[in-house]
Amino acid sequence: MIIDAVLLATRAENQGMADVSIAIAGATGGFSSGLVVSASGYPVLALTGGILALAVLPAIATSASSR
């Protein structure tokens, strides 16, 4: 997807930035979930994850309806 959206001259740089961003997001999520579990337990982590997942739905609906 990213490959098709950028020019050939900047393709490798853009793909690298996307890969690093995804890795940082994954590490941040893992670290944050560990802190939540150690402070509050798995039920709080599950509830928080569910709320965040539901919070994304309006953004998806808005994006889909604007296309």
PDB file of N, CA and C in Angstrom:
ATOM      1  N   MET A   1       0.821  -1.188   0.000  1.00  0.00           N
ATOM      2  CA  MET A   1       0.000   0.000   0.000  1.00  0.00           C
ATOM      3  C   MET A   1       0.868   1.256   0.000  1.00  0.00           C
ATOM      4  N   ILE A   2       1.829   1.294   0.881  1.00  0.00           N
ATOM      5  CA  ILE A   2       2.718   2.456   0.924  1.00  0.00           C
ATOM      6  C   ILE A   2       3.578   2.491  -0.331  1.00  0.00           C
ATOM      7  N   ILE A   3       3.986   1.331  -0.767  1.00  0.00           N
ATOM      8  CA  ILE A   3       4.846   1.242  -1.944  1.00  0.00           C
ATOM      9  C   ILE A   3       4.166   1.871  -3.162  1.00  0.00           C
ATOM     10  N   ASP A   4       2.885   1.635  -3.307  1.00  0.00           N
ATOM     11  CA  ASP A   4       2.166   2.152  -4.481  1.00  0.00           C
ATOM     12  C   ASP A   4       1.880   3.646  -4.390  1.00  0.00           C
ATOM     13  N   ALA A   5       1.955   4.221  -3.197  1.00  0.00           N
ATOM     14  CA  ALA A   5       1.561   5.617  -3.011  1.00  0.00           C
ATOM     15  C   ALA A   5       2.720   6.608  -3.108  1.00  0.00           C
ATOM     16  N   VAL A   6       3.950   6.136  -3.203  1.00  0.00           N
ATOM     17  CA  VAL A   6       5.095   7.055  -3.201  1.00  0.00           C
ATOM     18  C   VAL A   6       5.920   6.881  -4.470  1.00  0.00           C
ATOM     19  N   LEU A   7       6.734   7.881  -4.728  1.00  0.00           N
ATOM     20  CA  LEU A   7       7.618   7.848  -5.893  1.00  0.00           C
ATOM     21  C   LEU A   7       8.729   6.824  -5.691  1.00  0.00           C
ATOM     22  N   LEU A   8       9.230   6.316  -6.770  1.00  0.00           N
ATOM     23  CA  LEU A   8      10.295   5.316  -6.726  1.00  0.00           C
ATOM     24  C   LEU A   8      11.533   5.851  -6.003  1.00  0.00           C
ATOM     25  N   ALA A   9      11.838   7.119  -6.174  1.00  0.00           N
ATOM     26  CA  ALA A   9      13.050   7.700  -5.575  1.00  0.00           C
ATOM     27  C   ALA A   9      12.996   7.725  -4.050  1.00  0.00           C
ATOM     28  N   THR A  10      11.801   7.804  -3.473  1.00  0.00           N
ATOM     29  CA  THR A  10      11.684   7.878  -2.012  1.00  0.00           C
ATOM     30  C   THR A  10      11.020   6.642  -1.411  1.00  0.00           C
ATOM     31  N   ARG A  11      10.843   5.624  -2.210  1.00  0.00           N
ATOM     32  CA  ARG A  11      10.120   4.430  -1.766  1.00  0.00           C
ATOM     33  C   ARG A  11      10.788   3.738  -0.581  1.00  0.00           C
ATOM     34  N   ALA A  12      12.072   3.513  -0.644  1.00  0.00           N
ATOM     35  CA  ALA A  12      12.781   2.806   0.434  1.00  0.00           C
ATOM     36  C   ALA A  12      12.748   3.607   1.733  1.00  0.00           C
ATOM     37  N   GLU A  13      12.942   4.898   1.630  1.00  0.00           N
ATOM     38  CA  GLU A  13      12.915   5.750   2.822  1.00  0.00           C
ATOM     39  C   GLU A  13      11.529   5.731   3.469  1.00  0.00           C
ATOM     40  N   ASN A  14      10.498   5.859   2.660  1.00  0.00           N
ATOM     41  CA  ASN A  14       9.140   5.861   3.196  1.00  0.00           C
ATOM     42  C   ASN A  14       8.768   4.513   3.805  1.00  0.00           C
ATOM     43  N   GLN A  15       9.162   3.429   3.174  1.00  0.00           N
ATOM     44  CA  GLN A  15       8.876   2.103   3.717  1.00  0.00           C
ATOM     45  C   GLN A  15       9.620   1.902   5.022  1.00  0.00           C
ATOM     46  N   GLY A  16      10.858   2.373   5.088  1.00  0.00           N
ATOM     47  CA  GLY A  16      11.616   2.268   6.331  1.00  0.00           C
ATOM     48  C   GLY A  16      10.978   3.045   7.464  1.00  0.00           C
ATOM     49  N   MET A  17      10.513   4.256   7.162  1.00  0.00           N
ATOM     50  CA  MET A  17       9.835   5.057   8.193  1.00  0.00           C
ATOM     51  C   MET A  17       8.544   4.377   8.662  1.00  0.00           C
ATOM     52  N   ALA A  18       7.816   3.779   7.740  1.00  0.00           N
ATOM     53  CA  ALA A  18       6.592   3.070   8.112  1.00  0.00           C
ATOM     54  C   ALA A  18       6.918   1.870   8.990  1.00  0.00           C
ATOM     55  N   ASP A  19       7.954   1.133   8.652  1.00  0.00           N
ATOM     56  CA  ASP A  19       8.351  -0.022   9.444  1.00  0.00           C
ATOM     57  C   ASP A  19       8.775   0.380  10.857  1.00  0.00           C
ATOM     58  N   VAL A  20       9.555   1.449  10.961  1.00  0.00           N
ATOM     59  CA  VAL A  20       9.990   1.931  12.277  1.00  0.00           C
ATOM     60  C   VAL A  20       8.792   2.423  13.088  1.00  0.00           C
ATOM     61  N   SER A  21       7.878   3.119  12.453  1.00  0.00           N
ATOM     62  CA  SER A  21       6.693   3.616  13.154  1.00  0.00           C
ATOM     63  C   SER A  21       5.858   2.470  13.703  1.00  0.00           C
ATOM     64  N   ILE A  22       5.687   1.418  12.915  1.00  0.00           N
ATOM     65  CA  ILE A  22       4.919   0.258  13.362  1.00  0.00           C
ATOM     66  C   ILE A  22       5.636  -0.436  14.513  1.00  0.00           C
ATOM     67  N   ALA A  23       6.947  -0.547  14.438  1.00  0.00           N
ATOM     68  CA  ALA A  23       7.708  -1.176  15.518  1.00  0.00           C
ATOM     69  C   ALA A  23       7.611  -0.368  16.806  1.00  0.00           C
ATOM     70  N   ILE A  24       7.698   0.945  16.709  1.00  0.00           N
ATOM     71  CA  ILE A  24       7.589   1.800  17.899  1.00  0.00           C
ATOM     72  C   ILE A  24       6.186   1.704  18.493  1.00  0.00           C
ATOM     73  N   ALA A  25       5.163   1.683  17.640  1.00  0.00           N
ATOM     74  CA  ALA A  25       3.790   1.555  18.134  1.00  0.00           C
ATOM     75  C   ALA A  25       3.589   0.229  18.848  1.00  0.00           C
ATOM     76  N   GLY A  26       4.136  -0.841  18.319  1.00  0.00           N
ATOM     77  CA  GLY A  26       4.033  -2.146  18.961  1.00  0.00           C
ATOM     78  C   GLY A  26       4.748  -2.191  20.299  1.00  0.00           C
ATOM     79  N   ALA A  27       5.941  -1.617  20.346  1.00  0.00           N
ATOM     80  CA  ALA A  27       6.690  -1.582  21.598  1.00  0.00           C
ATOM     81  C   ALA A  27       5.983  -0.735  22.647  1.00  0.00           C
ATOM     82  N   THR A  28       5.421   0.385  22.226  1.00  0.00           N
ATOM     83  CA  THR A  28       4.687   1.256  23.145  1.00  0.00           C
ATOM     84  C   THR A  28       3.447   0.550  23.679  1.00  0.00           C
ATOM     85  N   GLY A  29       2.730  -0.154  22.812  1.00  0.00           N
ATOM     86  CA  GLY A  29       1.551  -0.901  23.248  1.00  0.00           C
ATOM     87  C   GLY A  29       1.905  -2.005  24.224  1.00  0.00           C
ATOM     88  N   GLY A  30       2.962  -2.723  23.955  1.00  0.00           N
ATOM     89  CA  GLY A  30       3.400  -3.782  24.869  1.00  0.00           C
ATOM     90  C   GLY A  30       3.825  -3.241  26.217  1.00  0.00           C
ATOM     91  N   PHE A  31       4.565  -2.164  26.204  1.00  0.00           N
ATOM     92  CA  PHE A  31       5.015  -1.527  27.448  1.00  0.00           C
ATOM     93  C   PHE A  31       3.821  -1.012  28.241  1.00  0.00           C
ATOM     94  N   SER A  32       2.912  -0.330  27.555  1.00  0.00           N
ATOM     95  CA  SER A  32       1.744   0.240  28.229  1.00  0.00           C
ATOM     96  C   SER A  32       0.853  -0.842  28.816  1.00  0.00           C
ATOM     97  N   SER A  33       0.644  -1.910  28.064  1.00  0.00           N
ATOM     98  CA  SER A  33      -0.212  -2.978  28.580  1.00  0.00           C
ATOM     99  C   SER A  33       0.434  -3.663  29.782  1.00  0.00           C
ATOM    100  N   GLY A  34       1.742  -3.784  29.783  1.00  0.00           N
ATOM    101  CA  GLY A  34       2.424  -4.343  30.947  1.00  0.00           C
ATOM    102  C   GLY A  34       2.245  -3.482  32.182  1.00  0.00           C
ATOM    103  N   LEU A  35       2.327  -2.163  32.003  1.00  0.00           N
ATOM    104  CA  LEU A  35       2.110  -1.255  33.134  1.00  0.00           C
ATOM    105  C   LEU A  35       0.678  -1.344  33.664  1.00  0.00           C
ATOM    106  N   VAL A  36      -0.286  -1.414  32.746  1.00  0.00           N
ATOM    107  CA  VAL A  36      -1.690  -1.495  33.166  1.00  0.00           C
ATOM    108  C   VAL A  36      -1.951  -2.802  33.912  1.00  0.00           C
ATOM    109  N   VAL A  37      -1.436  -3.912  33.407  1.00  0.00           N
ATOM    110  CA  VAL A  37      -1.648  -5.204  34.059  1.00  0.00           C
ATOM    111  C   VAL A  37      -0.997  -5.229  35.433  1.00  0.00           C
ATOM    112  N   SER A  38       0.202  -4.704  35.532  1.00  0.00           N
ATOM    113  CA  SER A  38       0.873  -4.734  36.840  1.00  0.00           C
ATOM    114  C   SER A  38       0.211  -3.794  37.841  1.00  0.00           C
ATOM    115  N   ALA A  39      -0.384  -2.713  37.377  1.00  0.00           N
ATOM    116  CA  ALA A  39      -1.021  -1.760  38.283  1.00  0.00           C
ATOM    117  C   ALA A  39      -2.465  -2.126  38.600  1.00  0.00           C
ATOM    118  N   SER A  40      -3.191  -2.688  37.610  1.00  0.00           N
ATOM    119  CA  SER A  40      -4.633  -2.863  37.792  1.00  0.00           C
ATOM    120  C   SER A  40      -5.152  -4.257  37.480  1.00  0.00           C
ATOM    121  N   GLY A  41      -4.439  -5.031  36.709  1.00  0.00           N
ATOM    122  CA  GLY A  41      -4.881  -6.379  36.374  1.00  0.00           C
ATOM    123  C   GLY A  41      -5.423  -6.497  34.961  1.00  0.00           C
ATOM    124  N   TYR A  42      -5.654  -7.764  34.576  1.00  0.00           N
ATOM    125  CA  TYR A  42      -6.130  -8.050  33.230  1.00  0.00           C
ATOM    126  C   TYR A  42      -7.534  -7.518  32.930  1.00  0.00           C
ATOM    127  N   PRO A  43      -8.465  -7.556  33.893  1.00  0.00           N
ATOM    128  CA  PRO A  43      -9.801  -7.020  33.573  1.00  0.00           C
ATOM    129  C   PRO A  43      -9.773  -5.549  33.140  1.00  0.00           C
ATOM    130  N   VAL A  44      -8.948  -4.756  33.784  1.00  0.00           N
ATOM    131  CA  VAL A  44      -8.846  -3.341  33.405  1.00  0.00           C
ATOM    132  C   VAL A  44      -8.223  -3.218  32.016  1.00  0.00           C
ATOM    133  N   LEU A  45      -7.230  -4.036  31.728  1.00  0.00           N
ATOM    134  CA  LEU A  45      -6.615  -4.019  30.395  1.00  0.00           C
ATOM    135  C   LEU A  45      -7.635  -4.404  29.334  1.00  0.00           C
ATOM    136  N   ALA A  46      -8.420  -5.438  29.605  1.00  0.00           N
ATOM    137  CA  ALA A  46      -9.427  -5.871  28.639  1.00  0.00           C
ATOM    138  C   ALA A  46     -10.492  -4.795  28.439  1.00  0.00           C
ATOM    139  N   LEU A  47     -10.944  -4.188  29.510  1.00  0.00           N
ATOM    140  CA  LEU A  47     -11.953  -3.132  29.405  1.00  0.00           C
ATOM    141  C   LEU A  47     -11.409  -1.936  28.626  1.00  0.00           C
ATOM    142  N   THR A  48     -10.183  -1.548  28.914  1.00  0.00           N
ATOM    143  CA  THR A  48      -9.561  -0.431  28.208  1.00  0.00           C
ATOM    144  C   THR A  48      -9.399  -0.741  26.722  1.00  0.00           C
ATOM    145  N   GLY A  49      -8.966  -1.949  26.411  1.00  0.00           N
ATOM    146  CA  GLY A  49      -8.828  -2.340  25.012  1.00  0.00           C
ATOM    147  C   GLY A  49     -10.162  -2.334  24.283  1.00  0.00           C
ATOM    148  N   GLY A  50     -11.203  -2.803  24.955  1.00  0.00           N
ATOM    149  CA  GLY A  50     -12.535  -2.781  24.351  1.00  0.00           C
ATOM    150  C   GLY A  50     -13.033  -1.376  24.101  1.00  0.00           C
ATOM    151  N   ILE A  51     -12.811  -0.487  25.055  1.00  0.00           N
ATOM    152  CA  ILE A  51     -13.235   0.912  24.896  1.00  0.00           C
ATOM    153  C   ILE A  51     -12.477   1.579  23.755  1.00  0.00           C
ATOM    154  N   LEU A  52     -11.175   1.334  23.682  1.00  0.00           N
ATOM    155  CA  LEU A  52     -10.391   1.917  22.587  1.00  0.00           C
ATOM    156  C   LEU A  52     -10.828   1.372  21.232  1.00  0.00           C
ATOM    157  N   ALA A  53     -11.148   0.084  21.186  1.00  0.00           N
ATOM    158  CA  ALA A  53     -11.615  -0.506  19.925  1.00  0.00           C
ATOM    159  C   ALA A  53     -12.943   0.110  19.504  1.00  0.00           C
ATOM    160  N   LEU A  54     -13.837   0.322  20.457  1.00  0.00           N
ATOM    161  CA  LEU A  54     -15.124   0.943  20.140  1.00  0.00           C
ATOM    162  C   LEU A  54     -14.964   2.407  19.746  1.00  0.00           C
ATOM    163  N   ALA A  55     -13.962   3.068  20.302  1.00  0.00           N
ATOM    164  CA  ALA A  55     -13.735   4.479  19.987  1.00  0.00           C
ATOM    165  C   ALA A  55     -13.282   4.671  18.543  1.00  0.00           C
ATOM    166  N   VAL A  56     -12.695   3.650  17.958  1.00  0.00           N
ATOM    167  CA  VAL A  56     -12.209   3.740  16.585  1.00  0.00           C
ATOM    168  C   VAL A  56     -13.358   3.610  15.582  1.00  0.00           C
ATOM    169  N   LEU A  57     -14.444   2.965  15.970  1.00  0.00           N
ATOM    170  CA  LEU A  57     -15.543   2.711  15.036  1.00  0.00           C
ATOM    171  C   LEU A  57     -16.126   3.971  14.399  1.00  0.00           C
ATOM    172  N   PRO A  58     -16.365   5.058  15.141  1.00  0.00           N
ATOM    173  CA  PRO A  58     -16.865   6.263  14.473  1.00  0.00           C
ATOM    174  C   PRO A  58     -15.894   6.812  13.415  1.00  0.00           C
ATOM    175  N   ALA A  59     -14.614   6.721  13.664  1.00  0.00           N
ATOM    176  CA  ALA A  59     -13.632   7.190  12.682  1.00  0.00           C
ATOM    177  C   ALA A  59     -13.680   6.328  11.417  1.00  0.00           C
ATOM    178  N   ILE A  60     -13.855   5.043  11.591  1.00  0.00           N
ATOM    179  CA  ILE A  60     -13.956   4.147  10.436  1.00  0.00           C
ATOM    180  C   ILE A  60     -15.231   4.452   9.660  1.00  0.00           C
ATOM    181  N   ALA A  61     -16.327   4.651  10.374  1.00  0.00           N
ATOM    182  CA  ALA A  61     -17.594   4.942   9.698  1.00  0.00           C
ATOM    183  C   ALA A  61     -17.522   6.268   8.946  1.00  0.00           C
ATOM    184  N   THR A  62     -16.906   7.272   9.546  1.00  0.00           N
ATOM    185  CA  THR A  62     -16.768   8.564   8.891  1.00  0.00           C
ATOM    186  C   THR A  62     -15.896   8.451   7.652  1.00  0.00           C
ATOM    187  N   SER A  63     -14.815   7.730   7.768  1.00  0.00           N
ATOM    188  CA  SER A  63     -13.910   7.548   6.634  1.00  0.00           C
ATOM    189  C   SER A  63     -14.594   6.785   5.506  1.00  0.00           C
ATOM    190  N   ALA A  64     -15.355   5.769   5.844  1.00  0.00           N
ATOM    191  CA  ALA A  64     -16.027   4.959   4.823  1.00  0.00           C
ATOM    192  C   ALA A  64     -17.139   5.756   4.129  1.00  0.00           C
ATOM    193  N   SER A  65     -17.825   6.608   4.875  1.00  0.00           N
ATOM    194  CA  SER A  65     -18.928   7.349   4.273  1.00  0.00           C
ATOM    195  C   SER A  65     -18.440   8.502   3.403  1.00  0.00           C
ATOM    196  N   SER A  66     -17.217   8.969   3.639  1.00  0.00           N
ATOM    197  CA  SER A  66     -16.692  10.086   2.834  1.00  0.00           C
ATOM    198  C   SER A  66     -16.127   9.621   1.496  1.00  0.00           C
ATOM    199  N   ARG A  67     -16.015   8.336   1.291  1.00  0.00           N
ATOM    200  CA  ARG A  67     -15.458   7.810   0.034  1.00  0.00           C
ATOM    201  C   ARG A  67     -16.522   7.670  -0.939  1.00  0.00           C
TER     202      ARG A  67
END
